Amino acid sequence: MQLPDFIRKFPALDVPFPEDVVRSYAVRSDAGLVVFFDFVKDMVLPPHSHLAQWGTVLSGEIEFTIAGETRTMGPGAIYDIPSGAEHSAIIKAGTKVIDVFEEPDRYPVKG
């Protein structure tokens, strides 16, 4: 699955991971941040926490640990991470997700 051209024209974010591992395409408002993530290589997301996050897996597979509970999620899976909940993930290459962050400035726009 490839994201549509118009989505791939959304601004990229300055995330703390190399572009050859994950690509980002974002829409920001005063109320939050919507990000399409495209994982090009396998990636381990270390444990961390922040304000609330909601997401869905479009393709691929993520092994998510949220507040101590681990689940493997594939296409169509929805995850809801409460504000302050520690979470981590093992993400397979080819995975695409939509993440919605409560924080509009969770990651700065590149540029």
N, C-alpha and C. Protein backbone atom coordinates (compact mmCIF):
# COMPACT_ATOMS: atom_id res chain seq x y z
N MET A 1 0.83 -1.18 0.00
CA MET A 1 0.00 0.00 0.00
C MET A 1 0.88 1.25 0.00
N GLN A 2 0.55 2.17 -0.87
CA GLN A 2 1.26 3.44 -0.90
C GLN A 2 0.28 4.54 -0.53
N LEU A 3 0.75 5.52 0.24
CA LEU A 3 -0.09 6.66 0.56
C LEU A 3 -0.31 7.48 -0.70
N PRO A 4 -1.49 8.10 -0.86
CA PRO A 4 -1.77 8.92 -2.04
C PRO A 4 -0.78 10.08 -2.18
N ASP A 5 -0.56 10.50 -3.41
CA ASP A 5 0.37 11.61 -3.68
C ASP A 5 0.05 12.85 -2.87
N PHE A 6 -1.24 13.20 -2.75
CA PHE A 6 -1.58 14.45 -2.05
C PHE A 6 -1.21 14.37 -0.57
N ILE A 7 -1.27 13.20 0.03
CA ILE A 7 -0.86 13.05 1.44
C ILE A 7 0.65 13.16 1.54
N ARG A 8 1.36 12.59 0.57
CA ARG A 8 2.82 12.65 0.61
C ARG A 8 3.35 14.06 0.34
N LYS A 9 2.46 14.98 0.01
CA LYS A 9 2.84 16.39 -0.15
C LYS A 9 2.64 17.18 1.14
N PHE A 10 2.01 16.56 2.17
CA PHE A 10 1.87 17.24 3.46
C PHE A 10 3.26 17.49 4.05
N PRO A 11 3.40 18.48 4.90
CA PRO A 11 4.72 18.77 5.49
C PRO A 11 5.26 17.60 6.31
N ALA A 12 6.58 17.42 6.23
CA ALA A 12 7.27 16.42 7.05
C ALA A 12 7.52 17.01 8.43
N LEU A 13 7.66 16.13 9.41
CA LEU A 13 7.95 16.56 10.77
C LEU A 13 9.40 16.27 11.13
N ASP A 14 9.90 17.02 12.08
CA ASP A 14 11.23 16.80 12.61
C ASP A 14 11.11 15.81 13.76
N VAL A 15 11.05 14.51 13.42
CA VAL A 15 10.94 13.45 14.42
C VAL A 15 12.34 12.95 14.77
N PRO A 16 12.51 12.35 15.95
CA PRO A 16 13.85 11.93 16.38
C PRO A 16 14.30 10.59 15.79
N PHE A 17 13.94 10.34 14.54
CA PHE A 17 14.32 9.10 13.86
C PHE A 17 14.72 9.45 12.43
N PRO A 18 15.68 8.72 11.86
CA PRO A 18 16.14 9.03 10.50
C PRO A 18 15.05 8.83 9.45
N GLU A 19 15.10 9.66 8.40
CA GLU A 19 14.12 9.56 7.30
C GLU A 19 14.22 8.25 6.54
N ASP A 20 15.37 7.57 6.59
CA ASP A 20 15.46 6.28 5.90
C ASP A 20 14.80 5.18 6.72
N VAL A 21 14.33 5.51 7.93
CA VAL A 21 13.61 4.56 8.79
C VAL A 21 12.11 4.86 8.78
N VAL A 22 11.76 6.13 8.94
CA VAL A 22 10.34 6.52 8.97
C VAL A 22 10.15 7.87 8.28
N ARG A 23 9.07 7.95 7.53
CA ARG A 23 8.69 9.21 6.87
C ARG A 23 7.40 9.69 7.50
N SER A 24 7.24 11.01 7.55
CA SER A 24 6.05 11.58 8.18
C SER A 24 5.41 12.62 7.27
N TYR A 25 4.09 12.69 7.34
CA TYR A 25 3.30 13.64 6.55
C TYR A 25 2.22 14.16 7.50
N ALA A 26 2.20 15.46 7.77
CA ALA A 26 1.39 15.97 8.87
C ALA A 26 0.39 17.04 8.48
N VAL A 27 -0.68 17.07 9.26
CA VAL A 27 -1.68 18.14 9.22
C VAL A 27 -1.82 18.62 10.66
N ARG A 28 -1.65 19.92 10.86
CA ARG A 28 -1.69 20.48 12.21
C ARG A 28 -2.81 21.50 12.34
N SER A 29 -3.44 21.53 13.52
CA SER A 29 -4.40 22.58 13.86
C SER A 29 -4.12 23.01 15.28
N ASP A 30 -4.81 24.02 15.76
CA ASP A 30 -4.63 24.45 17.14
C ASP A 30 -5.06 23.37 18.13
N ALA A 31 -5.92 22.44 17.67
CA ALA A 31 -6.48 21.41 18.56
C ALA A 31 -5.66 20.13 18.60
N GLY A 32 -4.77 19.91 17.64
CA GLY A 32 -4.01 18.66 17.63
C GLY A 32 -3.18 18.50 16.37
N LEU A 33 -2.59 17.33 16.24
CA LEU A 33 -1.68 17.00 15.14
C LEU A 33 -2.05 15.64 14.58
N VAL A 34 -2.27 15.57 13.27
CA VAL A 34 -2.57 14.31 12.59
C VAL A 34 -1.35 13.97 11.73
N VAL A 35 -0.82 12.75 11.90
CA VAL A 35 0.40 12.37 11.18
C VAL A 35 0.20 11.01 10.51
N PHE A 36 0.56 10.95 9.25
CA PHE A 36 0.65 9.69 8.52
C PHE A 36 2.12 9.28 8.61
N PHE A 37 2.39 8.16 9.27
CA PHE A 37 3.76 7.64 9.37
C PHE A 37 3.91 6.46 8.43
N ASP A 38 5.04 6.43 7.70
CA ASP A 38 5.37 5.37 6.76
C ASP A 38 6.73 4.81 7.20
N PHE A 39 6.73 3.60 7.76
CA PHE A 39 7.95 3.00 8.28
C PHE A 39 8.65 2.21 7.18
N VAL A 40 9.80 2.70 6.77
CA VAL A 40 10.56 2.13 5.66
C VAL A 40 11.40 0.94 6.13
N LYS A 41 11.86 1.00 7.37
CA LYS A 41 12.67 -0.07 7.96
C LYS A 41 12.06 -0.45 9.31
N ASP A 42 12.43 -1.64 9.80
CA ASP A 42 12.02 -2.03 11.15
C ASP A 42 12.50 -0.96 12.13
N MET A 43 11.70 -0.72 13.17
CA MET A 43 12.06 0.31 14.13
C MET A 43 11.61 -0.09 15.53
N VAL A 44 12.43 0.24 16.51
CA VAL A 44 12.07 0.06 17.91
C VAL A 44 11.84 1.45 18.48
N LEU A 45 10.63 1.67 18.98
CA LEU A 45 10.27 2.93 19.62
C LEU A 45 10.43 2.73 21.13
N PRO A 46 11.39 3.42 21.76
CA PRO A 46 11.64 3.20 23.18
C PRO A 46 10.49 3.71 24.05
N PRO A 47 10.41 3.21 25.29
CA PRO A 47 9.35 3.66 26.20
C PRO A 47 9.39 5.18 26.40
N HIS A 48 8.22 5.78 26.37
CA HIS A 48 8.08 7.22 26.57
C HIS A 48 6.61 7.52 26.89
N SER A 49 6.33 8.77 27.22
CA SER A 49 4.94 9.18 27.46
C SER A 49 4.78 10.64 27.06
N HIS A 50 3.55 11.03 26.85
CA HIS A 50 3.19 12.40 26.48
C HIS A 50 1.69 12.53 26.64
N LEU A 51 1.11 13.59 26.11
CA LEU A 51 -0.34 13.75 26.17
C LEU A 51 -1.01 12.68 25.30
N ALA A 52 -2.31 12.64 25.26
CA ALA A 52 -3.06 11.57 24.60
C ALA A 52 -2.70 11.40 23.12
N GLN A 53 -2.83 10.16 22.66
CA GLN A 53 -2.57 9.78 21.27
C GLN A 53 -3.59 8.72 20.87
N TRP A 54 -4.10 8.84 19.66
CA TRP A 54 -5.02 7.85 19.10
C TRP A 54 -4.47 7.49 17.73
N GLY A 55 -4.61 6.23 17.33
CA GLY A 55 -4.10 5.86 16.02
C GLY A 55 -4.74 4.62 15.47
N THR A 56 -4.46 4.39 14.20
CA THR A 56 -4.92 3.18 13.52
C THR A 56 -3.84 2.69 12.57
N VAL A 57 -3.74 1.38 12.46
CA VAL A 57 -2.76 0.75 11.57
C VAL A 57 -3.41 0.60 10.20
N LEU A 58 -2.76 1.15 9.19
CA LEU A 58 -3.25 1.03 7.81
C LEU A 58 -2.71 -0.22 7.13
N SER A 59 -1.44 -0.51 7.38
CA SER A 59 -0.81 -1.71 6.82
C SER A 59 0.36 -2.09 7.70
N GLY A 60 0.79 -3.34 7.60
CA GLY A 60 1.94 -3.80 8.37
C GLY A 60 1.57 -4.30 9.75
N GLU A 61 2.55 -4.19 10.67
CA GLU A 61 2.36 -4.76 12.00
C GLU A 61 3.16 -4.00 13.05
N ILE A 62 2.52 -3.78 14.19
CA ILE A 62 3.15 -3.14 15.34
C ILE A 62 2.92 -4.00 16.58
N GLU A 63 3.98 -4.23 17.32
CA GLU A 63 3.84 -4.83 18.64
C GLU A 63 3.90 -3.68 19.64
N PHE A 64 2.76 -3.30 20.17
CA PHE A 64 2.63 -2.15 21.06
C PHE A 64 2.60 -2.61 22.50
N THR A 65 3.32 -1.91 23.37
CA THR A 65 3.16 -2.08 24.81
C THR A 65 2.66 -0.74 25.33
N ILE A 66 1.43 -0.74 25.85
CA ILE A 66 0.80 0.47 26.36
C ILE A 66 0.42 0.22 27.81
N ALA A 67 1.00 1.03 28.70
CA ALA A 67 0.72 0.90 30.15
C ALA A 67 0.90 -0.54 30.62
N GLY A 68 1.97 -1.20 30.14
CA GLY A 68 2.31 -2.54 30.58
C GLY A 68 1.61 -3.67 29.86
N GLU A 69 0.68 -3.38 28.96
CA GLU A 69 -0.04 -4.43 28.22
C GLU A 69 0.49 -4.47 26.78
N THR A 70 0.92 -5.66 26.33
CA THR A 70 1.48 -5.82 24.99
C THR A 70 0.48 -6.51 24.07
N ARG A 71 0.32 -5.93 22.89
CA ARG A 71 -0.57 -6.49 21.85
C ARG A 71 0.08 -6.31 20.49
N THR A 72 -0.12 -7.29 19.62
CA THR A 72 0.32 -7.17 18.23
C THR A 72 -0.86 -6.67 17.42
N MET A 73 -0.63 -5.62 16.64
CA MET A 73 -1.70 -4.97 15.89
C MET A 73 -1.39 -4.96 14.41
N GLY A 74 -2.40 -5.29 13.61
CA GLY A 74 -2.27 -5.27 12.17
C GLY A 74 -3.28 -4.31 11.56
N PRO A 75 -3.44 -4.37 10.24
CA PRO A 75 -4.34 -3.45 9.55
C PRO A 75 -5.74 -3.42 10.16
N GLY A 76 -6.21 -2.20 10.38
CA GLY A 76 -7.53 -2.00 10.96
C GLY A 76 -7.54 -1.86 12.46
N ALA A 77 -6.45 -2.22 13.12
CA ALA A 77 -6.38 -2.10 14.58
C ALA A 77 -6.36 -0.63 14.97
N ILE A 78 -7.01 -0.34 16.09
CA ILE A 78 -7.06 1.02 16.63
C ILE A 78 -6.43 1.00 18.01
N TYR A 79 -5.63 2.00 18.31
CA TYR A 79 -5.03 2.12 19.63
C TYR A 79 -5.34 3.50 20.21
N ASP A 80 -5.53 3.52 21.51
CA ASP A 80 -5.87 4.74 22.24
C ASP A 80 -4.93 4.81 23.43
N ILE A 81 -4.03 5.77 23.41
CA ILE A 81 -3.02 5.89 24.46
C ILE A 81 -3.40 7.08 25.34
N PRO A 82 -3.79 6.82 26.57
CA PRO A 82 -4.19 7.92 27.46
C PRO A 82 -3.01 8.85 27.77
N SER A 83 -3.33 10.07 28.09
CA SER A 83 -2.32 11.05 28.47
C SER A 83 -1.48 10.51 29.62
N GLY A 84 -0.15 10.56 29.46
CA GLY A 84 0.77 10.12 30.51
C GLY A 84 1.08 8.64 30.54
N ALA A 85 0.38 7.82 29.73
CA ALA A 85 0.63 6.37 29.73
C ALA A 85 1.95 6.06 29.04
N GLU A 86 2.82 5.32 29.72
CA GLU A 86 4.07 4.91 29.09
C GLU A 86 3.76 3.89 28.00
N HIS A 87 4.42 4.05 26.86
CA HIS A 87 4.22 3.12 25.75
C HIS A 87 5.49 2.99 24.93
N SER A 88 5.60 1.86 24.24
CA SER A 88 6.73 1.56 23.36
C SER A 88 6.21 0.67 22.24
N ALA A 89 7.04 0.46 21.22
CA ALA A 89 6.58 -0.35 20.09
C ALA A 89 7.75 -0.94 19.32
N ILE A 90 7.47 -2.07 18.70
CA ILE A 90 8.36 -2.67 17.70
C ILE A 90 7.55 -2.63 16.41
N ILE A 91 8.06 -1.90 15.42
CA ILE A 91 7.31 -1.62 14.20
C ILE A 91 8.02 -2.24 13.02
N LYS A 92 7.30 -3.03 12.23
CA LYS A 92 7.89 -3.70 11.07
C LYS A 92 7.95 -2.78 9.86
N ALA A 93 8.98 -2.96 9.05
CA ALA A 93 9.10 -2.22 7.79
C ALA A 93 7.83 -2.44 6.97
N GLY A 94 7.39 -1.40 6.27
CA GLY A 94 6.18 -1.48 5.46
C GLY A 94 4.92 -1.09 6.21
N THR A 95 5.06 -0.82 7.51
CA THR A 95 3.89 -0.42 8.31
C THR A 95 3.57 1.04 8.03
N LYS A 96 2.28 1.31 7.92
CA LYS A 96 1.78 2.67 7.78
C LYS A 96 0.68 2.86 8.82
N VAL A 97 0.72 4.01 9.50
CA VAL A 97 -0.26 4.31 10.52
C VAL A 97 -0.72 5.76 10.39
N ILE A 98 -1.87 6.04 10.96
CA ILE A 98 -2.32 7.41 11.17
C ILE A 98 -2.32 7.61 12.68
N ASP A 99 -1.58 8.61 13.15
CA ASP A 99 -1.54 8.95 14.56
C ASP A 99 -2.13 10.34 14.75
N VAL A 100 -2.94 10.49 15.78
CA VAL A 100 -3.52 11.79 16.13
C VAL A 100 -3.06 12.11 17.54
N PHE A 101 -2.37 13.23 17.68
CA PHE A 101 -1.81 13.65 18.96
C PHE A 101 -2.60 14.81 19.54
N GLU A 102 -2.85 14.76 20.82
CA GLU A 102 -3.51 15.86 21.52
C GLU A 102 -2.67 17.14 21.45
N GLU A 103 -1.37 16.98 21.41
CA GLU A 103 -0.45 18.12 21.38
C GLU A 103 -0.24 18.59 19.94
N PRO A 104 -0.68 19.80 19.60
CA PRO A 104 -0.46 20.28 18.24
C PRO A 104 1.02 20.45 17.89
N ASP A 105 1.85 20.64 18.91
CA ASP A 105 3.29 20.84 18.69
C ASP A 105 4.12 19.67 19.17
N ARG A 106 3.56 18.47 19.11
CA ARG A 106 4.29 17.27 19.54
C ARG A 106 5.62 17.16 18.81
N TYR A 107 5.61 17.40 17.52
CA TYR A 107 6.83 17.43 16.70
C TYR A 107 6.80 18.69 15.84
N PRO A 108 7.92 19.37 15.69
CA PRO A 108 7.93 20.55 14.81
C PRO A 108 7.92 20.16 13.32
N VAL A 109 7.39 21.04 12.51
CA VAL A 109 7.42 20.84 11.06
C VAL A 109 8.84 21.10 10.59
N LYS A 110 9.32 20.26 9.66
CA LYS A 110 10.66 20.46 9.10
C LYS A 110 10.64 21.71 8.22
N GLY A 111 11.77 22.34 8.14
CA GLY A 111 11.83 23.45 7.20
C GLY A 111 12.63 24.53 7.71
